[in-house]
Amino acid sequence: MEFDLTKKQCFYFNEISRIPRGSGNEKAVSDYIVSFAKERGLAYKQDEVWNVIVDKPATPGYEGAPTLVIQAHTDMVNEKNKGVEHDFEKDPLDLYVDGDLLRARGTTLGADDGYGVAYMLAILDNEELEHPALSCVFTTMEEIGLIGAGNLKPEDVHGSRYINLDAGGEVGTYVSSAGGATAVMTLPLEKEKNDRPAYLLSIRGLKGGHSGAMIHLELGNANLLLVRALQELKKNGADVQLVSFNGGMQYNAVPREADALFVSGADFDRLSELVSATEKDLKAELEFSDPDVRLELSRAEAEDRLTQRCSDSFLNFVFLMPDGMKHRSMVIEDLTVSSLNAGVVTTKEDEIVIEDLIRSALESHTETLIEQLNVLADLLGWKVEIKNRITGWGFNAVSPLREILKGVLAERGIEMQEMATHGGLECGVFKGLRPDLDIITYGPVAEGEHTPDESLDLASFDRAYEILCEVIRRAK
C-alpha cells in the first residue's frame, strides 16, 4: 500500500518524522506546531515544557456546540537495533512501506503517538470539515511519566468533551485508566560493629512484569518474598540482623530479584534447612505464576550491621505493608481497580529507601492506601513522601461522546469495543483538571510500540482518520 503524502494525515506524519522528538527533546516539534498555528492565524499557547494548545473556531452552524478538546503527545520512545547508526538527537526517521505497514528502518517509528499528532494537524488544516470549536492539545514527555500533561492547568482545558488520540486500535475506546502516586518510604539507619557470621540470602527465578497490566496475575514480588524468608528464619529461632537489603530495578515493575546481607548466630546448616523449607512453600504457592522461584544462601562478610531495632523495623514494615492487587472491577472483567507495587528497595549510606507505586482508578482508594502506609510508618519509625500524584479515570456508564463513536462504528459494521487499563493514561490527568469531562480515546492499528519493530497499518490509519472526522462532525 502507498504512503500517500497527498493525504493530510500522511503528509503531517511524514513532516513530524523528520523532527527528532524523543521524550525530553520536544522543543523542535513544539516550535513546528507553533509555526503551523501562526501560518493559519490560529490562537495558540506554548508553555515552558513545550506543550502547545491550538484553538480553532467553530464552523457555521456549530457556534452553540460545546468546545471539543483533542489531545495527543508529541514525544516518542527512542529505540534502535544493534548496529544501526542513527542519532535520535538530529537524524530524521527513515520511513519505508513494508506491504501494508509503515515502518522506520532500524528504529522505533513513533506512531505512538505520532499518528495522533498527525491527525490533529490534519484536522486543524482541514477547511472542509464541519466542526465545533476545537482545542488541540499537544503534550510532551508522556512516555516518561505524563510530565507535559501534569504541567497543564485547569484553565488549559477549554471544553467539557475530550478525545485522546493515543489508543483504540480502530474499533475500540478506553473507558477507564488508573491514577495513583509514588510513595517513597525511608528508614534512617542505625549501625554497629559486627562480630558474627554474615550470610547472603537471594531470591531468583521470578518472572516479574508490568505492575499495571500484570499485577492481577499475582506474580511473586521479590522484595516481599525475601523479607518473608527472613521472617521465617526469625520465627524458627534464628537471630537475624540485616546489613543491607536491595531488590528490584523499576518502581513500576514487579521485582524479579532481591538480595539480603545479614548476620546471625545460627550455623549455616540450620539456616540452610530453614531456607529450604521456605523455598518449598514458595514453590507450592507460586506453582502457576512463578514455578522457577528459588532461594540461595551463601556465606559472606560484613564489618557493620544494623542495630536490632533498625533491622526489625525494616523487616516488620515490609512484612506488614499492603501490596499487590487490592480491588478489582465489578463491571469490567479482569480489570484491577487498585494495587500497590513495592518495586525497588535500596540500602544507601544512611537510609533504606522503598519506592512503591500505588495505582487506582478511584481517588478514595489511593487516599486509603496512602494512609495505611502512613499509619504503619508512624508505628515503625519510617517517613513517607508522596510524589507524582496522578488522578484516576473511573468508568462512567453515561458518555454522549462514546455513543457518537459507537454509532459511527456501527454504520461501518463494527461493534465498538470498550477497554480499560490499570496503567496510567493522560486521560486521568485531564479528568483531574476538569472532573466533568466526557472522554473517549481513539486511534488506528499500530503494533510493536517502543521497539524497532513498531508499525502503523496504513489502511487503518486512513480509515480511523475518516471515522475521527465523522465523530467530530457529529459532535454538535
Protein backbone atom coordinates (compact mmCIF):
# COMPACT_ATOMS: atom_id res chain seq x y z
CA MET A 1 0.00 0.00 0.00
CA GLU A 2 1.22 3.51 -0.73
CA PHE A 3 2.09 6.07 1.94
CA ASP A 4 0.26 8.83 0.09
CA LEU A 5 1.63 12.24 1.06
CA THR A 6 -1.26 13.99 -0.70
CA LYS A 7 -3.41 12.86 2.26
CA LYS A 8 -3.08 15.38 5.04
CA GLN A 9 -2.68 12.81 7.81
CA CYS A 10 0.14 11.11 5.89
CA PHE A 11 1.77 14.42 5.00
CA TYR A 12 1.93 15.55 8.61
CA PHE A 13 3.08 12.18 9.90
CA ASN A 14 5.95 12.43 7.43
CA GLU A 15 6.66 16.01 8.49
CA ILE A 16 6.97 15.27 12.20
CA SER A 17 9.01 12.13 11.46
CA ARG A 18 11.70 14.46 10.13
CA ILE A 19 11.93 16.16 13.52
CA PRO A 20 13.77 14.39 16.41
CA ARG A 21 11.27 14.21 19.27
CA GLY A 22 12.36 11.73 21.89
CA SER A 23 11.00 12.33 25.38
CA GLY A 24 12.57 15.49 26.78
CA ASN A 25 13.64 16.67 23.32
CA GLU A 26 10.33 18.05 22.03
CA LYS A 27 11.22 21.74 21.59
CA ALA A 28 11.73 21.46 17.82
CA VAL A 29 8.41 19.71 17.18
CA SER A 30 6.71 22.11 19.59
CA ASP A 31 8.11 25.07 17.63
CA TYR A 32 6.94 23.43 14.40
CA ILE A 33 3.37 23.30 15.75
CA VAL A 34 3.59 26.94 16.83
CA SER A 35 4.72 27.94 13.32
CA PHE A 36 1.87 25.88 11.88
CA ALA A 37 -0.63 27.78 14.04
CA LYS A 38 0.86 31.16 13.21
CA GLU A 39 0.72 30.49 9.45
CA ARG A 40 -3.01 29.75 9.73
CA GLY A 41 -3.88 32.57 12.09
CA LEU A 42 -4.91 30.17 14.88
CA ALA A 43 -4.71 31.08 18.55
CA TYR A 44 -2.06 29.11 20.41
CA LYS A 45 -0.25 28.78 23.72
CA GLN A 46 3.19 27.26 24.26
CA ASP A 47 4.33 26.61 27.82
CA GLU A 48 7.71 26.08 29.49
CA VAL A 49 7.71 22.29 28.98
CA TRP A 50 6.82 22.73 25.28
CA ASN A 51 3.15 21.75 25.47
CA VAL A 52 1.21 23.55 22.75
CA ILE A 53 -2.52 24.31 22.70
CA VAL A 54 -4.00 25.36 19.35
CA ASP A 55 -7.61 26.58 19.16
CA LYS A 56 -9.76 26.72 16.03
CA PRO A 57 -13.18 28.47 15.96
CA ALA A 58 -16.38 26.57 15.19
CA THR A 59 -17.60 26.38 11.62
CA PRO A 60 -21.02 27.91 10.73
CA GLY A 61 -23.85 26.05 12.39
CA TYR A 62 -21.70 24.76 15.25
CA GLU A 63 -21.29 28.01 17.19
CA GLY A 64 -23.55 26.82 20.01
CA ALA A 65 -21.88 23.44 20.45
CA PRO A 66 -19.50 22.89 23.39
CA THR A 67 -15.80 23.05 22.60
CA LEU A 68 -14.20 19.73 21.73
CA VAL A 69 -10.74 19.06 23.19
CA ILE A 70 -8.49 16.75 21.14
CA GLN A 71 -5.15 15.61 22.53
CA ALA A 72 -2.03 13.59 21.68
CA HIS A 73 1.54 13.54 22.94
CA THR A 74 4.41 14.69 20.72
CA ASP A 75 7.21 12.59 22.22
CA MET A 76 8.27 9.12 21.17
CA VAL A 77 10.42 6.33 22.61
CA ASN A 78 13.88 6.22 21.03
CA GLU A 79 14.95 2.62 20.45
CA LYS A 80 17.08 1.13 17.68
CA ASN A 81 18.52 -2.22 16.68
CA LYS A 82 22.14 -3.03 17.42
CA GLY A 83 24.45 -1.88 14.66
CA VAL A 84 22.04 0.80 13.40
CA GLU A 85 23.69 4.18 13.01
CA HIS A 86 21.02 6.69 13.95
CA ASP A 87 21.38 9.81 16.08
CA PHE A 88 18.00 10.44 17.71
CA GLU A 89 19.10 13.97 18.59
CA LYS A 90 19.45 15.11 14.98
CA ASP A 91 18.57 12.42 12.40
CA PRO A 92 15.12 12.15 10.78
CA LEU A 93 13.38 8.78 10.89
CA ASP A 94 13.92 6.66 7.79
CA LEU A 95 10.34 5.71 6.89
CA TYR A 96 9.50 2.91 4.48
CA VAL A 97 6.48 0.87 3.44
CA ASP A 98 6.52 -2.84 4.19
CA GLY A 99 3.48 -4.31 2.42
CA ASP A 100 0.51 -2.66 4.15
CA LEU A 101 2.60 -1.32 7.03
CA LEU A 102 4.64 1.81 7.62
CA ARG A 103 7.92 1.26 9.48
CA ALA A 104 11.14 3.10 10.30
CA ARG A 105 14.37 1.46 9.21
CA GLY A 106 16.10 0.02 12.27
CA THR A 107 14.36 2.29 14.79
CA THR A 108 11.08 2.95 16.50
CA LEU A 109 8.52 4.56 14.19
CA GLY A 110 6.97 6.97 16.66
CA ALA A 111 3.43 6.01 15.64
CA ASP A 112 2.93 6.17 19.40
CA ASP A 113 1.77 8.93 19.37
CA GLY A 114 2.77 10.40 16.02
CA TYR A 115 -0.47 9.29 14.44
CA GLY A 116 -2.39 11.37 16.98
CA VAL A 117 -0.24 14.45 16.32
CA ALA A 118 -0.65 13.98 12.57
CA TYR A 119 -4.43 13.62 12.94
CA MET A 120 -4.70 16.87 14.88
CA LEU A 121 -2.57 18.82 12.41
CA ALA A 122 -4.61 17.40 9.52
CA ILE A 123 -7.88 18.35 11.23
CA LEU A 124 -6.68 21.86 12.00
CA ASP A 125 -5.65 22.17 8.33
CA ASN A 126 -8.94 20.75 7.02
CA GLU A 127 -11.12 23.60 5.74
CA GLU A 128 -13.88 21.27 4.54
CA LEU A 129 -14.59 19.58 7.86
CA GLU A 130 -17.59 20.93 9.80
CA HIS A 131 -16.86 21.03 13.50
CA PRO A 132 -17.49 22.70 16.86
CA ALA A 133 -14.79 24.89 18.35
CA LEU A 134 -11.65 22.76 18.62
CA SER A 135 -8.90 22.92 21.19
CA CYS A 136 -5.97 20.71 20.16
CA VAL A 137 -3.57 19.95 23.00
CA PHE A 138 -0.10 18.66 22.08
CA THR A 139 1.55 17.34 25.27
CA THR A 140 5.16 16.38 25.96
CA MET A 141 7.09 13.75 27.90
CA GLU A 142 4.18 11.32 28.14
CA GLU A 143 6.45 8.32 27.83
CA ILE A 144 8.47 9.23 30.92
CA GLY A 145 5.66 9.97 33.35
CA LEU A 146 2.90 12.10 31.78
CA ILE A 147 5.04 15.14 32.61
CA GLY A 148 3.68 17.51 29.97
CA ALA A 149 0.06 16.79 30.85
CA GLY A 150 0.92 17.15 34.51
CA ASN A 151 2.13 20.68 33.82
CA LEU A 152 -1.26 21.81 32.47
CA LYS A 153 -3.64 23.97 34.49
CA PRO A 154 -7.46 23.71 34.69
CA GLU A 155 -7.76 26.82 32.51
CA ASP A 156 -5.84 25.00 29.75
CA VAL A 157 -8.76 22.57 29.24
CA HIS A 158 -11.10 24.63 27.09
CA GLY A 159 -14.02 22.21 26.76
CA SER A 160 -16.03 19.52 28.53
CA ARG A 161 -15.66 16.92 25.75
CA TYR A 162 -12.28 15.27 25.17
CA ILE A 163 -10.84 12.87 22.59
CA ASN A 164 -7.49 11.31 23.46
CA LEU A 165 -5.71 10.06 20.32
CA ASP A 166 -3.36 7.55 21.93
CA ALA A 167 -5.30 4.27 21.88
CA GLY A 168 -8.16 2.45 20.25
CA GLY A 169 -6.98 0.07 17.54
CA GLU A 170 -9.63 1.50 15.16
CA VAL A 171 -12.51 -0.47 16.70
CA GLY A 172 -12.36 0.41 20.39
CA THR A 173 -12.11 3.07 23.06
CA TYR A 174 -10.81 3.09 26.61
CA VAL A 175 -13.34 3.81 29.35
CA SER A 176 -11.12 3.79 32.44
CA SER A 177 -7.49 4.11 33.49
CA ALA A 178 -5.60 4.14 36.75
CA GLY A 179 -4.21 7.12 38.56
CA GLY A 180 -2.20 6.92 41.71
CA ALA A 181 1.06 8.07 43.23
CA THR A 182 4.59 7.06 44.08
CA ALA A 183 5.24 6.52 47.77
CA VAL A 184 8.91 6.93 48.70
CA MET A 185 9.48 5.46 52.16
CA THR A 186 12.71 5.92 54.08
CA LEU A 187 14.14 4.47 57.28
CA PRO A 188 17.21 6.13 58.91
CA LEU A 189 19.93 3.56 59.51
CA GLU A 190 21.43 2.78 62.92
CA LYS A 191 24.65 0.77 62.66
CA GLU A 192 27.04 -1.05 64.96
CA LYS A 193 30.20 -3.10 64.61
CA ASN A 194 29.66 -6.71 63.61
CA ASP A 195 31.26 -9.71 65.31
CA ARG A 196 29.05 -12.52 64.00
CA PRO A 197 28.98 -14.67 60.83
CA ALA A 198 27.43 -12.99 57.80
CA TYR A 199 25.26 -14.54 55.11
CA LEU A 200 23.78 -13.53 51.76
CA LEU A 201 20.23 -14.66 51.05
CA SER A 202 18.99 -14.08 47.49
CA ILE A 203 15.77 -14.78 45.63
CA ARG A 204 15.89 -15.66 41.94
CA GLY A 205 13.75 -17.23 39.21
CA LEU A 206 10.75 -14.91 39.42
CA LYS A 207 9.20 -13.66 36.18
CA GLY A 208 8.43 -10.07 37.15
CA GLY A 209 6.25 -7.94 34.90
CA HIS A 210 4.37 -4.68 34.41
CA SER A 211 2.87 -3.54 37.69
CA GLY A 212 -0.24 -2.24 35.94
CA ALA A 213 -1.06 -4.75 33.22
CA MET A 214 0.10 -7.83 35.15
CA ILE A 215 -0.50 -7.12 38.83
CA HIS A 216 -3.68 -9.24 38.86
CA LEU A 217 -1.63 -12.32 37.89
CA GLU A 218 -0.28 -12.49 41.46
CA LEU A 219 3.32 -12.65 40.33
CA GLY A 220 5.83 -13.08 43.12
CA ASN A 221 7.32 -9.82 44.43
CA ALA A 222 11.00 -10.48 45.15
CA ASN A 223 11.24 -7.83 47.87
CA LEU A 224 8.27 -9.08 49.85
CA LEU A 225 9.10 -12.75 49.44
CA LEU A 226 12.69 -12.30 50.56
CA VAL A 227 11.56 -10.41 53.67
CA ARG A 228 9.12 -13.22 54.34
CA ALA A 229 12.01 -15.73 54.13
CA LEU A 230 13.95 -13.71 56.71
CA GLN A 231 10.91 -13.55 58.96
CA GLU A 232 10.62 -17.34 58.70
CA LEU A 233 14.20 -17.63 59.98
CA LYS A 234 13.30 -15.47 62.98
CA LYS A 235 10.06 -17.36 63.63
CA ASN A 236 12.02 -20.61 63.80
CA GLY A 237 14.55 -19.37 66.34
CA ALA A 238 17.36 -17.96 64.21
CA ASP A 239 18.50 -14.48 65.16
CA VAL A 240 18.68 -12.11 62.19
CA GLN A 241 20.23 -8.66 61.90
CA LEU A 242 20.35 -7.04 58.50
CA VAL A 243 23.41 -5.43 56.98
CA SER A 244 21.72 -4.37 53.74
CA PHE A 245 18.77 -5.18 51.51
CA ASN A 246 18.50 -4.40 47.79
CA GLY A 247 15.88 -5.51 45.29
CA GLY A 248 14.10 -4.54 42.09
CA MET A 249 15.10 -2.10 39.36
CA GLN A 250 11.98 -0.09 38.42
CA TYR A 251 9.19 1.11 40.69
CA ASN A 252 6.60 0.25 38.00
CA ALA A 253 7.77 -3.34 37.51
CA VAL A 254 7.12 -6.30 39.80
CA PRO A 255 10.66 -7.04 41.09
CA ARG A 256 12.27 -10.28 39.97
CA GLU A 257 15.35 -10.41 42.21
CA ALA A 258 16.44 -9.25 45.66
CA ASP A 259 19.43 -9.73 47.97
CA ALA A 260 19.67 -9.54 51.75
CA LEU A 261 23.01 -9.43 53.58
CA PHE A 262 22.52 -10.33 57.25
CA VAL A 263 24.32 -11.69 60.27
CA SER A 264 23.22 -14.48 62.59
CA GLY A 265 24.49 -16.62 65.42
CA ALA A 266 22.81 -19.66 63.87
CA ASP A 267 25.06 -22.05 61.98
CA PHE A 268 24.98 -22.33 58.20
CA ASP A 269 23.44 -25.82 58.13
CA ARG A 270 20.49 -24.76 60.30
CA LEU A 271 19.90 -21.66 58.21
CA SER A 272 20.06 -23.73 55.01
CA GLU A 273 17.49 -26.14 56.40
CA LEU A 274 15.08 -23.31 57.22
CA VAL A 275 15.63 -21.59 53.86
CA SER A 276 14.92 -24.86 52.03
CA ALA A 277 11.64 -25.25 53.90
CA THR A 278 10.57 -21.72 52.94
CA GLU A 279 11.59 -22.31 49.33
CA LYS A 280 9.41 -25.42 49.25
CA ASP A 281 6.45 -23.37 50.47
CA LEU A 282 7.04 -20.65 47.87
CA LYS A 283 7.26 -23.17 45.04
CA ALA A 284 3.92 -24.65 46.08
CA GLU A 285 2.26 -21.25 46.40
CA LEU A 286 3.68 -19.90 43.12
CA GLU A 287 3.34 -23.12 41.14
CA PHE A 288 1.36 -21.48 38.35
CA SER A 289 2.77 -17.94 38.35
CA ASP A 290 6.47 -18.40 39.23
CA PRO A 291 7.37 -22.09 39.26
CA ASP A 292 11.12 -21.42 39.00
CA VAL A 293 11.39 -19.38 42.21
CA ARG A 294 14.40 -20.28 44.33
CA LEU A 295 16.25 -19.06 47.43
CA GLU A 296 20.04 -19.07 47.52
CA LEU A 297 22.06 -18.88 50.74
CA SER A 298 25.81 -18.34 50.89
CA ARG A 299 28.44 -17.26 53.40
CA ALA A 300 29.54 -13.63 53.29
CA GLU A 301 31.40 -10.97 55.28
CA ALA A 302 30.28 -7.78 56.99
CA GLU A 303 32.12 -5.23 59.13
CA ASP A 304 28.98 -3.46 60.29
CA ARG A 305 25.38 -4.43 60.86
CA LEU A 306 22.14 -2.62 61.54
CA THR A 307 21.05 -2.44 65.16
CA GLN A 308 18.43 -4.98 66.10
CA ARG A 309 15.81 -2.25 66.42
CA CYS A 310 16.59 -0.88 62.96
CA SER A 311 16.70 -4.32 61.36
CA ASP A 312 13.40 -5.32 62.94
CA SER A 313 11.79 -2.04 61.86
CA PHE A 314 12.66 -2.76 58.23
CA LEU A 315 11.57 -6.38 58.25
CA ASN A 316 8.32 -5.69 60.11
CA PHE A 317 7.43 -2.75 57.87
CA VAL A 318 7.88 -4.67 54.62
CA PHE A 319 6.25 -7.80 56.05
CA LEU A 320 3.09 -5.86 57.02
CA MET A 321 2.84 -3.28 54.23
CA PRO A 322 -0.06 -3.65 51.76
CA ASP A 323 0.99 -4.86 48.31
CA GLY A 324 -0.39 -6.36 45.10
CA MET A 325 -3.96 -6.22 43.81
CA LYS A 326 -6.36 -4.72 46.36
CA HIS A 327 -9.60 -4.16 44.44
CA ARG A 328 -10.99 -5.44 41.14
CA SER A 329 -13.78 -4.06 38.99
CA MET A 330 -17.27 -5.48 39.43
CA VAL A 331 -18.22 -4.17 35.97
CA ILE A 332 -15.24 -4.84 33.69
CA GLU A 333 -13.85 -8.36 33.63
CA ASP A 334 -10.20 -8.85 34.71
CA LEU A 335 -9.72 -5.15 35.46
CA THR A 336 -7.74 -4.27 38.57
CA VAL A 337 -9.06 -1.10 40.20
CA SER A 338 -6.43 -0.60 42.91
CA SER A 339 -2.99 -2.01 43.66
CA LEU A 340 0.43 -1.35 45.14
CA ASN A 341 3.86 -2.46 43.96
CA ALA A 342 6.91 -2.28 46.22
CA GLY A 343 9.16 -2.15 43.20
CA VAL A 344 12.55 -1.00 44.47
CA VAL A 345 14.38 -1.33 47.79
CA THR A 346 17.79 0.33 48.08
CA THR A 347 20.21 0.45 51.01
CA LYS A 348 22.13 3.72 50.99
CA GLU A 349 24.82 5.02 53.30
CA ASP A 350 22.43 6.40 55.90
CA GLU A 351 18.97 5.11 54.98
CA ILE A 352 16.94 2.36 53.33
CA VAL A 353 14.56 3.57 50.63
CA ILE A 354 11.47 1.80 49.27
CA GLU A 355 9.81 3.06 46.08
CA ASP A 356 6.21 1.89 45.96
CA LEU A 357 3.84 2.62 43.06
CA ILE A 358 0.18 2.99 44.03
CA ARG A 359 -2.37 2.67 41.22
CA SER A 360 -6.12 3.23 41.37
CA ALA A 361 -8.95 4.46 39.20
CA LEU A 362 -10.59 5.80 42.38
CA GLU A 363 -9.12 8.66 44.38
CA SER A 364 -10.65 7.30 47.58
CA HIS A 365 -8.72 4.04 47.18
CA THR A 366 -5.48 5.92 46.58
CA GLU A 367 -6.06 8.00 49.71
CA THR A 368 -6.79 4.91 51.80
CA LEU A 369 -3.67 3.07 50.63
CA ILE A 370 -1.50 6.12 51.32
CA GLU A 371 -2.98 6.42 54.79
CA GLN A 372 -2.30 2.73 55.51
CA LEU A 373 1.35 3.30 54.65
CA ASN A 374 1.44 6.46 56.79
CA VAL A 375 0.00 4.70 59.83
CA LEU A 376 2.43 1.81 59.51
CA ALA A 377 5.32 4.25 59.03
CA ASP A 378 4.38 6.15 62.19
CA LEU A 379 4.34 2.93 64.20
CA LEU A 380 7.73 1.73 62.98
CA GLY A 381 9.77 4.93 62.61
CA TRP A 382 9.60 5.42 58.85
CA LYS A 383 8.97 8.53 56.75
CA VAL A 384 6.60 8.54 53.74
CA GLU A 385 6.82 11.07 50.91
CA ILE A 386 4.18 11.07 48.15
CA LYS A 387 5.29 12.06 44.65
CA ASN A 388 3.90 12.11 41.10
CA ARG A 389 0.24 12.15 42.10
CA ILE A 390 -1.99 11.36 39.10
CA THR A 391 -5.80 11.35 39.06
CA GLY A 392 -7.56 8.15 38.06
CA TRP A 393 -10.25 7.95 35.43
CA GLY A 394 -13.13 5.83 36.67
CA PHE A 395 -15.73 4.21 34.43
CA ASN A 396 -18.75 6.37 33.63
CA ALA A 397 -21.75 4.49 32.26
CA VAL A 398 -23.09 7.64 30.57
CA SER A 399 -20.96 9.15 27.80
CA PRO A 400 -22.60 11.02 24.89
CA LEU A 401 -19.25 11.16 23.08
CA ARG A 402 -18.85 7.40 23.40
CA GLU A 403 -22.34 6.93 21.95
CA ILE A 404 -21.38 9.05 18.93
CA LEU A 405 -18.31 6.89 18.31
CA LYS A 406 -20.34 3.73 18.81
CA GLY A 407 -22.86 4.88 16.21
CA VAL A 408 -20.22 5.85 13.65
CA LEU A 409 -18.52 2.47 14.02
CA ALA A 410 -21.84 0.59 13.86
CA GLU A 411 -22.61 2.18 10.50
CA ARG A 412 -19.40 0.57 9.24
CA GLY A 413 -20.36 -2.83 10.64
CA ILE A 414 -18.05 -2.54 13.64
CA GLU A 415 -19.17 -3.35 17.17
CA MET A 416 -17.30 -0.91 19.40
CA GLN A 417 -15.02 -2.49 21.99
CA GLU A 418 -14.83 -0.90 25.44
CA MET A 419 -11.43 -1.31 27.05
CA ALA A 420 -9.94 -0.41 30.40
CA THR A 421 -6.42 -0.39 31.76
CA HIS A 422 -4.78 -0.47 35.17
CA GLY A 423 -1.99 1.57 33.60
CA GLY A 424 -1.95 5.35 33.58
CA LEU A 425 -3.24 7.44 30.68
CA GLU A 426 -3.18 11.19 30.14
CA CYS A 427 -6.98 10.95 30.31
CA GLY A 428 -6.70 10.70 34.07
CA VAL A 429 -4.68 13.90 34.26
CA PHE A 430 -7.26 15.74 32.16
CA LYS A 431 -10.08 14.29 34.26
CA GLY A 432 -8.39 15.66 37.35
CA LEU A 433 -8.17 19.10 35.77
CA ARG A 434 -11.81 19.04 34.73
CA PRO A 435 -13.93 16.41 36.53
CA ASP A 436 -16.95 16.89 34.23
CA LEU A 437 -15.06 15.74 31.13
CA ASP A 438 -16.76 13.31 28.75
CA ILE A 439 -13.85 11.19 27.46
CA ILE A 440 -13.12 8.78 24.64
CA THR A 441 -9.85 7.50 23.23
CA TYR A 442 -9.31 6.60 19.61
CA GLY A 443 -6.62 5.69 17.10
CA PRO A 444 -5.63 3.33 14.27
CA VAL A 445 -4.00 -0.10 14.42
CA ALA A 446 -0.34 0.22 15.42
CA GLU A 447 1.83 -2.52 16.87
CA GLY A 448 5.27 -3.04 18.38
CA GLU A 449 5.31 0.27 20.23
CA HIS A 450 8.58 1.15 21.98
CA THR A 451 10.55 -1.31 19.80
CA PRO A 452 12.26 -1.11 16.39
CA ASP A 453 9.53 -3.49 15.15
CA GLU A 454 6.91 -0.75 15.54
CA SER A 455 4.47 -0.48 12.63
CA LEU A 456 1.45 1.52 11.54
CA ASP A 457 -1.28 -0.13 9.48
CA LEU A 458 -1.70 2.33 6.60
CA ALA A 459 -5.23 1.29 5.64
CA SER A 460 -6.29 1.57 9.29
CA PHE A 461 -4.54 4.94 9.53
CA ASP A 462 -6.74 6.25 6.71
CA ARG A 463 -9.96 4.64 7.96
CA ALA A 464 -9.50 5.80 11.55
CA TYR A 465 -8.91 9.36 10.35
CA GLU A 466 -12.20 9.34 8.42
CA ILE A 467 -14.01 7.88 11.43
CA LEU A 468 -12.48 10.53 13.68
CA CYS A 469 -13.60 13.28 11.30
CA GLU A 470 -17.12 11.88 11.30
CA VAL A 471 -17.21 11.80 15.12
CA ILE A 472 -16.10 15.44 15.15
CA ARG A 473 -18.71 16.32 12.54
CA ARG A 474 -21.48 14.82 14.71
CA ALA A 475 -20.29 16.45 17.92
CA LYS A 476 -22.86 19.25 17.82
